[in-house]
N, C-alpha and C. Protein backbone atom coordinates (compact mmCIF):
# COMPACT_ATOMS: atom_id res chain seq x y z
N MET A 1 6.96 3.63 -5.32
CA MET A 1 7.25 3.89 -4.26
C MET A 1 8.12 2.44 -4.14
N ASP A 2 8.75 2.00 -4.91
CA ASP A 2 10.02 1.19 -4.73
C ASP A 2 11.13 1.46 -3.71
N HIS A 3 11.47 2.72 -3.52
CA HIS A 3 12.26 2.98 -2.52
C HIS A 3 11.68 2.75 -1.14
N LEU A 4 10.38 2.47 -1.02
CA LEU A 4 10.03 1.97 0.42
C LEU A 4 10.20 0.60 0.76
N ASN A 5 10.79 -0.14 -0.36
CA ASN A 5 11.14 -1.42 -0.10
C ASN A 5 12.88 -1.34 0.42
N THR A 6 13.37 -0.19 0.58
CA THR A 6 14.88 -0.37 1.08
C THR A 6 14.64 -0.01 2.44
N ILE A 7 13.34 0.42 3.17
CA ILE A 7 13.45 0.91 4.59
C ILE A 7 13.19 -0.37 5.33
N ASN A 8 13.55 -0.43 6.74
CA ASN A 8 13.34 -1.61 7.75
C ASN A 8 12.13 -1.17 8.39
N ALA A 9 10.77 -1.03 7.73
CA ALA A 9 9.40 -0.89 8.30
C ALA A 9 8.64 -1.39 7.21
N ALA A 10 7.70 -1.76 8.06
CA ALA A 10 6.28 -2.30 7.18
C ALA A 10 5.39 -1.12 6.87
N VAL A 11 5.13 -0.74 5.41
CA VAL A 11 4.54 0.23 5.10
C VAL A 11 3.11 -0.22 4.02
N THR A 12 2.05 -0.12 4.55
CA THR A 12 0.90 -0.63 4.12
C THR A 12 -0.15 0.78 4.03
N VAL A 13 -0.84 1.12 2.56
CA VAL A 13 -1.40 2.06 2.42
C VAL A 13 -2.80 1.43 1.97
N CYS A 14 -3.99 2.12 2.35
CA CYS A 14 -5.25 1.77 2.07
C CYS A 14 -6.12 2.96 1.42
N ASP A 15 -7.07 2.89 0.67
CA ASP A 15 -7.93 4.05 -0.02
C ASP A 15 -8.66 4.28 1.16
N VAL A 16 -9.59 5.17 0.71
CA VAL A 16 -10.55 5.92 1.73
C VAL A 16 -11.76 4.79 2.00
N HIS A 17 -12.06 3.80 1.29
CA HIS A 17 -12.93 2.71 1.52
C HIS A 17 -12.27 1.52 2.35
N GLY A 18 -10.99 1.63 2.63
CA GLY A 18 -10.19 0.50 3.49
C GLY A 18 -9.58 -0.57 2.46
N THR A 19 -9.73 -0.30 1.31
CA THR A 19 -8.97 -1.22 0.29
C THR A 19 -7.62 -1.02 0.29
N ILE A 20 -6.69 -2.18 0.76
CA ILE A 20 -5.58 -2.12 0.53
C ILE A 20 -4.78 -1.86 -1.02
N VAL A 21 -4.06 -0.77 -1.20
CA VAL A 21 -3.63 -0.21 -2.46
C VAL A 21 -1.93 -0.59 -2.83
N TYR A 22 -1.27 -0.65 -1.60
CA TYR A 22 0.16 -0.97 -1.57
C TYR A 22 0.39 -1.40 -0.38
N MET A 23 1.56 -2.52 -0.42
CA MET A 23 2.11 -2.95 0.63
C MET A 23 3.74 -2.88 0.10
N ASN A 24 4.57 -2.61 0.90
CA ASN A 24 6.03 -2.76 0.35
C ASN A 24 6.47 -4.39 1.05
N GLU A 25 7.61 -4.70 0.52
CA GLU A 25 8.00 -5.99 0.89
C GLU A 25 7.89 -6.24 2.26
N ARG A 26 8.36 -5.48 3.06
CA ARG A 26 8.31 -5.96 4.67
C ARG A 26 7.13 -6.03 4.99
N SER A 27 5.94 -5.35 4.56
CA SER A 27 4.58 -5.53 4.95
C SER A 27 4.34 -6.68 4.64
N GLY A 28 4.51 -7.20 3.21
CA GLY A 28 4.11 -8.44 2.75
C GLY A 28 4.82 -9.53 3.66
N GLU A 29 5.91 -9.44 4.28
CA GLU A 29 6.70 -10.39 5.16
C GLU A 29 5.73 -10.30 6.52
N VAL A 30 5.55 -9.19 6.94
CA VAL A 30 4.91 -9.26 8.32
C VAL A 30 3.40 -9.96 8.32
N PHE A 31 2.75 -9.56 7.07
CA PHE A 31 1.48 -10.15 6.94
C PHE A 31 1.48 -11.44 6.30
N ARG A 32 2.54 -12.15 6.03
CA ARG A 32 2.68 -13.26 5.10
C ARG A 32 1.50 -14.21 5.44
N ASN A 33 1.34 -14.60 6.94
CA ASN A 33 0.32 -15.83 7.20
C ASN A 33 -1.13 -15.37 6.72
N ASP A 34 -1.19 -14.06 6.59
CA ASP A 34 -2.69 -13.62 6.21
C ASP A 34 -2.75 -13.32 4.80
N GLY A 35 -1.68 -13.47 4.16
CA GLY A 35 -1.79 -13.79 2.74
C GLY A 35 -0.77 -13.00 2.00
N GLY A 36 -0.10 -12.15 2.79
CA GLY A 36 1.04 -11.36 2.12
C GLY A 36 0.76 -10.39 1.34
N LYS A 37 1.35 -9.90 0.20
CA LYS A 37 1.07 -9.09 -0.77
C LYS A 37 -0.12 -9.37 -1.80
N ALA A 38 -0.87 -10.54 -1.63
CA ALA A 38 -2.12 -10.98 -2.30
C ALA A 38 -3.18 -10.05 -1.44
N LEU A 39 -2.88 -9.58 -0.36
CA LEU A 39 -3.94 -9.02 0.31
C LEU A 39 -4.01 -7.40 -0.52
N ILE A 40 -3.10 -7.02 -1.42
CA ILE A 40 -3.48 -5.80 -2.22
C ILE A 40 -4.86 -5.95 -2.91
N GLY A 41 -5.69 -4.96 -2.77
CA GLY A 41 -6.89 -5.04 -3.38
C GLY A 41 -8.09 -5.78 -2.36
N GLN A 42 -7.72 -6.35 -1.25
CA GLN A 42 -8.57 -6.55 -0.04
C GLN A 42 -8.87 -5.41 0.56
N SER A 43 -10.05 -5.81 1.47
CA SER A 43 -10.54 -4.56 2.45
C SER A 43 -9.70 -5.17 3.76
N LEU A 44 -9.26 -3.72 4.29
CA LEU A 44 -8.79 -4.01 5.68
C LEU A 44 -10.03 -4.31 6.56
N PHE A 45 -11.05 -3.92 6.32
CA PHE A 45 -12.33 -4.09 7.28
C PHE A 45 -12.53 -5.46 7.77
N GLY A 46 -12.12 -6.32 6.79
CA GLY A 46 -12.13 -7.83 7.19
C GLY A 46 -11.19 -8.50 8.18
N CYS A 47 -10.01 -7.69 8.10
CA CYS A 47 -8.88 -7.89 9.00
C CYS A 47 -8.91 -7.46 10.36
N HIS A 48 -9.69 -6.65 10.63
CA HIS A 48 -9.72 -5.89 12.09
C HIS A 48 -10.92 -6.17 12.76
N PRO A 49 -10.69 -6.84 14.10
CA PRO A 49 -11.84 -6.99 15.07
C PRO A 49 -12.12 -5.98 15.68
N GLU A 50 -13.32 -5.79 16.22
CA GLU A 50 -13.71 -4.60 17.05
C GLU A 50 -12.72 -4.60 18.49
N PRO A 51 -12.43 -3.51 18.76
CA PRO A 51 -12.46 -2.40 18.70
C PRO A 51 -11.52 -1.51 17.63
N ALA A 52 -11.13 -2.36 17.21
CA ALA A 52 -9.71 -1.87 16.10
C ALA A 52 -10.69 -1.51 14.74
N LEU A 53 -11.53 -2.17 14.42
CA LEU A 53 -12.62 -1.86 12.85
C LEU A 53 -13.11 -0.45 13.28
N THR A 54 -13.76 -0.25 14.44
CA THR A 54 -14.31 1.19 14.44
C THR A 54 -13.22 2.30 14.68
N LYS A 55 -11.96 1.86 15.15
CA LYS A 55 -11.14 2.94 15.39
C LYS A 55 -10.67 3.31 13.81
N LEU A 56 -10.44 2.14 12.95
CA LEU A 56 -9.97 2.23 11.43
C LEU A 56 -10.90 3.40 10.95
N LYS A 57 -12.19 2.77 10.84
CA LYS A 57 -13.32 3.69 10.12
C LYS A 57 -13.38 5.28 10.86
N GLU A 58 -13.06 5.33 11.76
CA GLU A 58 -13.05 6.78 12.44
C GLU A 58 -11.92 7.76 11.91
N LEU A 59 -11.08 6.75 11.94
CA LEU A 59 -9.61 7.50 11.46
C LEU A 59 -9.69 8.00 9.75
N LEU A 60 -10.43 6.97 9.12
CA LEU A 60 -10.66 7.32 7.63
C LEU A 60 -11.60 8.68 7.67
N ALA A 61 -12.72 8.45 8.45
CA ALA A 61 -13.45 9.51 8.13
C ALA A 61 -12.99 11.15 9.01
N SER A 62 -12.26 10.93 9.87
CA SER A 62 -11.69 12.12 10.43
C SER A 62 -10.20 12.75 10.16
N GLY A 63 -9.77 11.76 9.27
CA GLY A 63 -8.18 12.11 8.92
C GLY A 63 -7.26 12.43 10.09
N ARG A 64 -7.66 11.95 11.36
CA ARG A 64 -6.76 12.05 12.47
C ARG A 64 -5.65 11.00 12.26
N THR A 65 -4.58 11.46 12.71
CA THR A 65 -3.14 10.39 13.10
C THR A 65 -3.46 9.54 14.30
N ASN A 66 -3.02 8.18 14.21
CA ASN A 66 -2.80 7.45 15.49
C ASN A 66 -1.81 6.61 15.64
N VAL A 67 -1.18 6.79 16.65
CA VAL A 67 0.22 6.24 16.86
C VAL A 67 -0.09 5.73 18.66
N TYR A 68 0.65 4.36 18.28
CA TYR A 68 0.64 3.61 19.62
C TYR A 68 1.84 2.53 19.60
N THR A 69 2.10 1.79 20.46
CA THR A 69 3.18 0.77 20.53
C THR A 69 2.36 -0.60 21.03
N ILE A 70 3.13 -1.64 20.48
CA ILE A 70 2.48 -3.02 20.80
C ILE A 70 3.96 -3.57 21.06
N GLU A 71 3.55 -5.07 21.58
CA GLU A 71 4.45 -6.09 21.78
C GLU A 71 4.09 -7.20 21.15
N LYS A 72 4.73 -8.14 20.23
CA LYS A 72 4.27 -9.01 19.76
C LYS A 72 5.58 -10.20 19.49
N ASN A 73 5.38 -11.29 19.94
CA ASN A 73 6.46 -12.23 19.84
C ASN A 73 7.80 -11.80 20.43
N GLY A 74 7.78 -10.87 21.47
CA GLY A 74 8.93 -10.40 22.15
C GLY A 74 9.52 -9.22 21.65
N LYS A 75 9.08 -8.76 20.57
CA LYS A 75 9.55 -7.53 19.83
C LYS A 75 8.30 -6.32 20.19
N ARG A 76 9.09 -5.18 20.58
CA ARG A 76 8.05 -4.03 20.67
C ARG A 76 8.29 -3.18 19.23
N LYS A 77 7.20 -2.81 18.89
CA LYS A 77 6.93 -1.83 17.77
C LYS A 77 6.06 -0.71 18.24
N ILE A 78 6.42 0.20 16.97
CA ILE A 78 5.62 1.41 17.08
C ILE A 78 4.51 1.47 15.76
N ILE A 79 3.35 1.67 16.09
CA ILE A 79 2.67 1.39 14.62
C ILE A 79 2.20 2.99 14.56
N TYR A 80 2.59 3.45 13.22
CA TYR A 80 2.07 4.93 12.92
C TYR A 80 1.03 4.93 11.88
N GLN A 81 -0.14 5.57 12.03
CA GLN A 81 -1.22 5.41 11.34
C GLN A 81 -1.60 6.79 10.70
N SER A 82 -1.42 7.33 9.70
CA SER A 82 -1.59 8.66 9.12
C SER A 82 -2.42 8.85 8.00
N PRO A 83 -3.31 9.90 7.80
CA PRO A 83 -3.79 9.86 6.55
C PRO A 83 -3.04 10.38 5.35
N TRP A 84 -3.58 10.01 3.90
CA TRP A 84 -2.65 10.76 2.98
C TRP A 84 -3.98 11.37 2.19
N TYR A 85 -3.52 12.36 1.37
CA TYR A 85 -4.67 13.39 0.71
C TYR A 85 -4.56 13.18 -0.81
N GLU A 86 -5.77 13.30 -1.26
CA GLU A 86 -5.64 13.90 -2.94
C GLU A 86 -6.84 14.85 -2.87
N HIS A 87 -6.42 15.91 -3.71
CA HIS A 87 -7.33 16.96 -3.66
C HIS A 87 -7.54 17.91 -2.52
N ASN A 88 -6.79 17.70 -1.63
CA ASN A 88 -7.32 18.34 -0.10
C ASN A 88 -8.41 17.48 0.36
N ALA A 89 -8.64 16.32 0.21
CA ALA A 89 -9.39 15.46 0.61
C ALA A 89 -8.57 14.10 1.41
N VAL A 90 -9.09 13.49 2.38
CA VAL A 90 -8.56 12.28 2.82
C VAL A 90 -8.94 11.37 1.78
N ALA A 91 -7.76 10.52 1.26
CA ALA A 91 -8.09 9.60 0.15
C ALA A 91 -7.47 7.89 0.87
N GLY A 92 -6.87 8.11 2.27
CA GLY A 92 -6.99 6.58 2.91
C GLY A 92 -5.94 6.89 3.94
N MET A 93 -5.37 5.92 4.38
CA MET A 93 -4.49 5.90 5.31
C MET A 93 -3.07 5.22 4.83
N ILE A 94 -2.06 5.42 5.68
CA ILE A 94 -0.66 4.97 5.59
C ILE A 94 -0.32 4.22 6.97
N GLU A 95 -0.15 2.90 6.95
CA GLU A 95 0.49 2.55 8.16
C GLU A 95 1.73 2.41 8.24
N MET A 96 2.70 2.61 9.07
CA MET A 96 4.22 2.22 9.06
C MET A 96 4.08 1.57 10.66
N SER A 97 5.02 0.61 10.49
CA SER A 97 5.20 -0.31 11.54
C SER A 97 6.89 -0.46 11.71
N PHE A 98 7.45 -0.07 12.78
CA PHE A 98 8.89 -0.09 12.73
C PHE A 98 9.14 -0.85 14.52
N GLU A 99 10.15 -1.78 14.23
CA GLU A 99 10.35 -2.21 15.64
C GLU A 99 11.45 -1.27 16.30
N LEU A 100 11.04 -1.36 17.71
CA LEU A 100 11.86 -0.41 18.63
C LEU A 100 12.92 -1.42 19.20
N PRO A 101 14.04 -0.70 19.34
CA PRO A 101 15.28 -1.37 20.22
C PRO A 101 14.64 -1.42 21.71
N GLU A 102 15.62 -2.40 22.30
CA GLU A 102 15.16 -2.17 23.81
C GLU A 102 15.56 -1.08 24.71
N VAL A 103 16.60 -0.54 23.98
CA VAL A 103 17.19 0.67 24.57
C VAL A 103 17.12 1.78 23.48
N MET A 104 16.51 2.95 23.76
CA MET A 104 16.57 4.07 22.77
C MET A 104 16.80 5.44 23.07
N GLU A 105 17.66 6.00 22.48
CA GLU A 105 18.03 7.48 23.05
C GLU A 105 16.61 8.35 22.73
N HIS A 106 16.78 9.46 23.70
CA HIS A 106 15.69 10.38 23.47
C HIS A 106 16.34 11.68 23.80
N PHE A 107 16.19 12.81 22.72
CA PHE A 107 16.68 14.05 22.84
C PHE A 107 15.61 15.30 22.77
N VAL A 108 16.02 16.23 23.59
CA VAL A 108 15.01 17.45 23.55
C VAL A 108 15.69 18.23 22.88
N ARG A 109 15.06 18.85 21.84
CA ARG A 109 15.84 19.87 21.06
C ARG A 109 15.05 21.13 21.36
N VAL A 110 15.97 22.32 21.22
CA VAL A 110 15.67 23.51 21.61
C VAL A 110 15.47 24.32 20.45
């Protein structure tokens, strides 16, 4: 997954038990104050307070996708959480976090 280090997005992957199995370089930078890439092998469950913890567990159990925006330190981001699969079963979640520009174009395609 080295090519994921070339995109301007934080990519974090966990297994179905909530254990972090991958972080790209940007994810390591974003979570530097929490341990950065040393978080690989650690559980996400300890990093999420309620109600986010319950939401994460529900996503892992259901295989649903969760998308939302946040604002932190004056920057807007979109958070995209989606399951990944192995042998047709949910194997974990991938979270991608992208900074959003202040003005963003929107196109309607037909």
